[in-house]
Amino acid sequence: MKDKAQHAVVLDKATYDRIYKEVPTFKYISQAILIERLKINGSLARIAIRQLAKEGHIKKIVHHHAQLIYSALK
């Protein structure tokens, strides 16, 4: 049986800095990618994506009710 992952549920300063530094450089950005690479939970990943999009660091590629896919601005 697979062990449950221990992902961060609170955004600390180090994770916040990693989000703003690394995420805009990813080719594709989705909630699942942030969860796996940054080891944060889903709600933090959604909030981070919304904030980066609002500030103009990333742009929306695909909008579906179950999955949002973004890309870095070039």
N, C-alpha and C. Protein backbone atom coordinates (compact mmCIF):
# COMPACT_ATOMS: atom_id res chain seq x y z
N MET A 1 0.84 -1.17 0.00
CA MET A 1 0.00 0.00 0.00
C MET A 1 0.89 1.24 0.00
N LYS A 2 0.51 2.21 -0.81
CA LYS A 2 1.29 3.44 -0.92
C LYS A 2 1.07 4.32 0.30
N ASP A 3 2.16 4.89 0.81
CA ASP A 3 2.06 5.81 1.94
C ASP A 3 1.50 7.14 1.47
N LYS A 4 0.77 7.79 2.36
CA LYS A 4 0.22 9.10 2.05
C LYS A 4 1.34 10.14 2.04
N ALA A 5 1.33 10.98 1.04
CA ALA A 5 2.37 12.01 0.91
C ALA A 5 2.18 13.08 1.99
N GLN A 6 3.27 13.59 2.47
CA GLN A 6 3.26 14.65 3.48
C GLN A 6 3.60 15.97 2.82
N HIS A 7 2.61 16.62 2.24
CA HIS A 7 2.82 17.89 1.56
C HIS A 7 2.51 19.05 2.50
N ALA A 8 3.14 20.18 2.24
CA ALA A 8 2.97 21.36 3.07
C ALA A 8 1.54 21.89 2.94
N VAL A 9 0.96 22.30 4.06
CA VAL A 9 -0.38 22.86 4.06
C VAL A 9 -0.38 24.35 4.39
N VAL A 10 0.78 24.86 4.77
CA VAL A 10 0.94 26.28 5.08
C VAL A 10 2.08 26.80 4.23
N LEU A 11 1.87 27.96 3.66
CA LEU A 11 2.87 28.56 2.78
C LEU A 11 3.89 29.33 3.61
N ASP A 12 5.12 28.82 3.66
CA ASP A 12 6.17 29.53 4.37
C ASP A 12 6.96 30.41 3.39
N LYS A 13 7.87 31.21 3.91
CA LYS A 13 8.62 32.16 3.09
C LYS A 13 9.47 31.46 2.03
N ALA A 14 10.09 30.34 2.36
CA ALA A 14 10.94 29.63 1.41
C ALA A 14 10.12 29.09 0.23
N THR A 15 8.96 28.52 0.53
CA THR A 15 8.10 27.99 -0.53
C THR A 15 7.55 29.13 -1.38
N TYR A 16 7.17 30.21 -0.74
CA TYR A 16 6.66 31.38 -1.46
C TYR A 16 7.70 31.90 -2.45
N ASP A 17 8.95 32.00 -2.00
CA ASP A 17 10.03 32.46 -2.88
C ASP A 17 10.27 31.49 -4.03
N ARG A 18 10.20 30.18 -3.75
CA ARG A 18 10.36 29.17 -4.81
C ARG A 18 9.26 29.27 -5.85
N ILE A 19 8.04 29.54 -5.41
CA ILE A 19 6.92 29.66 -6.35
C ILE A 19 7.16 30.81 -7.31
N TYR A 20 7.54 31.96 -6.79
CA TYR A 20 7.73 33.13 -7.66
C TYR A 20 8.99 33.04 -8.51
N LYS A 21 9.98 32.26 -8.07
CA LYS A 21 11.21 32.13 -8.84
C LYS A 21 11.12 31.02 -9.88
N GLU A 22 10.62 29.85 -9.52
CA GLU A 22 10.66 28.67 -10.38
C GLU A 22 9.44 28.49 -11.27
N VAL A 23 8.26 28.71 -10.75
CA VAL A 23 7.03 28.38 -11.48
C VAL A 23 6.92 29.12 -12.81
N PRO A 24 7.20 30.40 -12.91
CA PRO A 24 7.11 31.06 -14.22
C PRO A 24 8.09 30.54 -15.27
N THR A 25 9.05 29.71 -14.87
CA THR A 25 9.98 29.14 -15.84
C THR A 25 9.53 27.78 -16.36
N PHE A 26 8.48 27.18 -15.75
CA PHE A 26 7.98 25.88 -16.21
C PHE A 26 7.33 26.04 -17.57
N LYS A 27 7.46 25.02 -18.43
CA LYS A 27 6.84 25.06 -19.74
C LYS A 27 5.33 24.97 -19.61
N TYR A 28 4.84 24.01 -18.82
CA TYR A 28 3.41 23.88 -18.54
C TYR A 28 3.22 23.93 -17.04
N ILE A 29 2.16 24.61 -16.62
CA ILE A 29 1.89 24.79 -15.20
C ILE A 29 0.46 24.33 -14.93
N SER A 30 0.33 23.38 -14.01
CA SER A 30 -1.00 22.93 -13.59
C SER A 30 -0.93 22.63 -12.10
N GLN A 31 -2.07 22.38 -11.52
CA GLN A 31 -2.13 22.09 -10.10
C GLN A 31 -1.32 20.84 -9.78
N ALA A 32 -1.43 19.80 -10.59
CA ALA A 32 -0.71 18.55 -10.34
C ALA A 32 0.80 18.74 -10.40
N ILE A 33 1.27 19.56 -11.32
CA ILE A 33 2.71 19.80 -11.45
C ILE A 33 3.24 20.52 -10.21
N LEU A 34 2.51 21.51 -9.72
CA LEU A 34 2.96 22.22 -8.53
C LEU A 34 2.96 21.31 -7.30
N ILE A 35 1.96 20.45 -7.20
CA ILE A 35 1.90 19.52 -6.07
C ILE A 35 3.11 18.61 -6.07
N GLU A 36 3.45 18.07 -7.22
CA GLU A 36 4.56 17.13 -7.28
C GLU A 36 5.92 17.80 -7.13
N ARG A 37 6.15 18.90 -7.80
CA ARG A 37 7.48 19.52 -7.78
C ARG A 37 7.75 20.32 -6.51
N LEU A 38 6.74 21.01 -5.98
CA LEU A 38 6.96 21.87 -4.81
C LEU A 38 6.54 21.23 -3.50
N LYS A 39 5.91 20.06 -3.57
CA LYS A 39 5.45 19.33 -2.38
C LYS A 39 4.51 20.18 -1.52
N ILE A 40 3.53 20.79 -2.19
CA ILE A 40 2.49 21.54 -1.48
C ILE A 40 1.15 20.86 -1.74
N ASN A 41 0.14 21.16 -0.94
CA ASN A 41 -1.15 20.51 -1.17
C ASN A 41 -1.94 21.23 -2.26
N GLY A 42 -3.05 20.66 -2.66
CA GLY A 42 -3.81 21.16 -3.80
C GLY A 42 -4.36 22.56 -3.62
N SER A 43 -4.83 22.89 -2.42
CA SER A 43 -5.39 24.22 -2.21
C SER A 43 -4.32 25.30 -2.34
N LEU A 44 -3.12 25.02 -1.84
CA LEU A 44 -2.03 25.99 -2.01
C LEU A 44 -1.62 26.12 -3.46
N ALA A 45 -1.64 25.01 -4.20
CA ALA A 45 -1.29 25.06 -5.63
C ALA A 45 -2.30 25.90 -6.40
N ARG A 46 -3.59 25.74 -6.12
CA ARG A 46 -4.61 26.54 -6.80
C ARG A 46 -4.45 28.02 -6.49
N ILE A 47 -4.20 28.34 -5.24
CA ILE A 47 -4.02 29.74 -4.84
C ILE A 47 -2.79 30.34 -5.52
N ALA A 48 -1.69 29.58 -5.57
CA ALA A 48 -0.47 30.07 -6.20
C ALA A 48 -0.69 30.33 -7.68
N ILE A 49 -1.39 29.42 -8.36
CA ILE A 49 -1.66 29.59 -9.79
C ILE A 49 -2.52 30.83 -10.03
N ARG A 50 -3.56 30.99 -9.23
CA ARG A 50 -4.44 32.16 -9.39
C ARG A 50 -3.67 33.45 -9.17
N GLN A 51 -2.80 33.48 -8.16
CA GLN A 51 -2.04 34.69 -7.85
C GLN A 51 -1.05 35.02 -8.97
N LEU A 52 -0.35 34.01 -9.47
CA LEU A 52 0.61 34.25 -10.55
C LEU A 52 -0.10 34.72 -11.82
N ALA A 53 -1.27 34.18 -12.10
CA ALA A 53 -2.03 34.60 -13.28
C ALA A 53 -2.55 36.02 -13.11
N LYS A 54 -3.00 36.33 -11.92
CA LYS A 54 -3.52 37.68 -11.63
C LYS A 54 -2.43 38.74 -11.81
N GLU A 55 -1.21 38.41 -11.39
CA GLU A 55 -0.10 39.35 -11.49
C GLU A 55 0.55 39.35 -12.86
N GLY A 56 0.12 38.46 -13.75
CA GLY A 56 0.63 38.45 -15.11
C GLY A 56 1.92 37.69 -15.33
N HIS A 57 2.29 36.82 -14.40
CA HIS A 57 3.52 36.04 -14.56
C HIS A 57 3.32 34.82 -15.46
N ILE A 58 2.08 34.32 -15.52
CA ILE A 58 1.76 33.15 -16.35
C ILE A 58 0.48 33.45 -17.12
N LYS A 59 0.25 32.70 -18.20
CA LYS A 59 -0.97 32.90 -18.99
C LYS A 59 -1.72 31.58 -19.14
N LYS A 60 -3.03 31.67 -19.26
CA LYS A 60 -3.88 30.49 -19.36
C LYS A 60 -3.84 29.93 -20.77
N ILE A 61 -3.67 28.61 -20.88
CA ILE A 61 -3.68 27.93 -22.17
C ILE A 61 -5.01 27.20 -22.35
N VAL A 62 -5.35 26.36 -21.39
CA VAL A 62 -6.57 25.55 -21.46
C VAL A 62 -7.39 25.78 -20.20
N HIS A 63 -8.68 26.03 -20.40
CA HIS A 63 -9.59 26.19 -19.27
C HIS A 63 -10.66 25.12 -19.36
N HIS A 64 -10.68 24.25 -18.37
CA HIS A 64 -11.67 23.19 -18.28
C HIS A 64 -12.12 23.17 -16.83
N HIS A 65 -13.34 22.76 -16.57
CA HIS A 65 -13.83 22.83 -15.19
C HIS A 65 -13.01 21.98 -14.22
N ALA A 66 -12.35 20.94 -14.72
CA ALA A 66 -11.58 20.07 -13.84
C ALA A 66 -10.08 20.35 -13.88
N GLN A 67 -9.60 21.01 -14.90
CA GLN A 67 -8.16 21.20 -15.05
C GLN A 67 -7.87 22.53 -15.72
N LEU A 68 -6.98 23.29 -15.13
CA LEU A 68 -6.50 24.54 -15.72
C LEU A 68 -5.03 24.36 -16.06
N ILE A 69 -4.66 24.70 -17.26
CA ILE A 69 -3.27 24.58 -17.68
C ILE A 69 -2.78 25.96 -18.10
N TYR A 70 -1.63 26.33 -17.56
CA TYR A 70 -1.04 27.63 -17.81
C TYR A 70 0.33 27.44 -18.43
N SER A 71 0.88 28.52 -18.94
CA SER A 71 2.21 28.52 -19.51
C SER A 71 2.92 29.80 -19.07
N ALA A 72 4.24 29.75 -19.10
CA ALA A 72 5.02 30.93 -18.75
C ALA A 72 4.93 31.95 -19.87
N LEU A 73 5.01 33.21 -19.53
CA LEU A 73 5.07 34.26 -20.55
C LEU A 73 6.47 34.26 -21.15
N LYS A 74 6.54 34.51 -22.41
CA LYS A 74 7.86 34.50 -23.06
C LYS A 74 8.33 35.89 -23.33
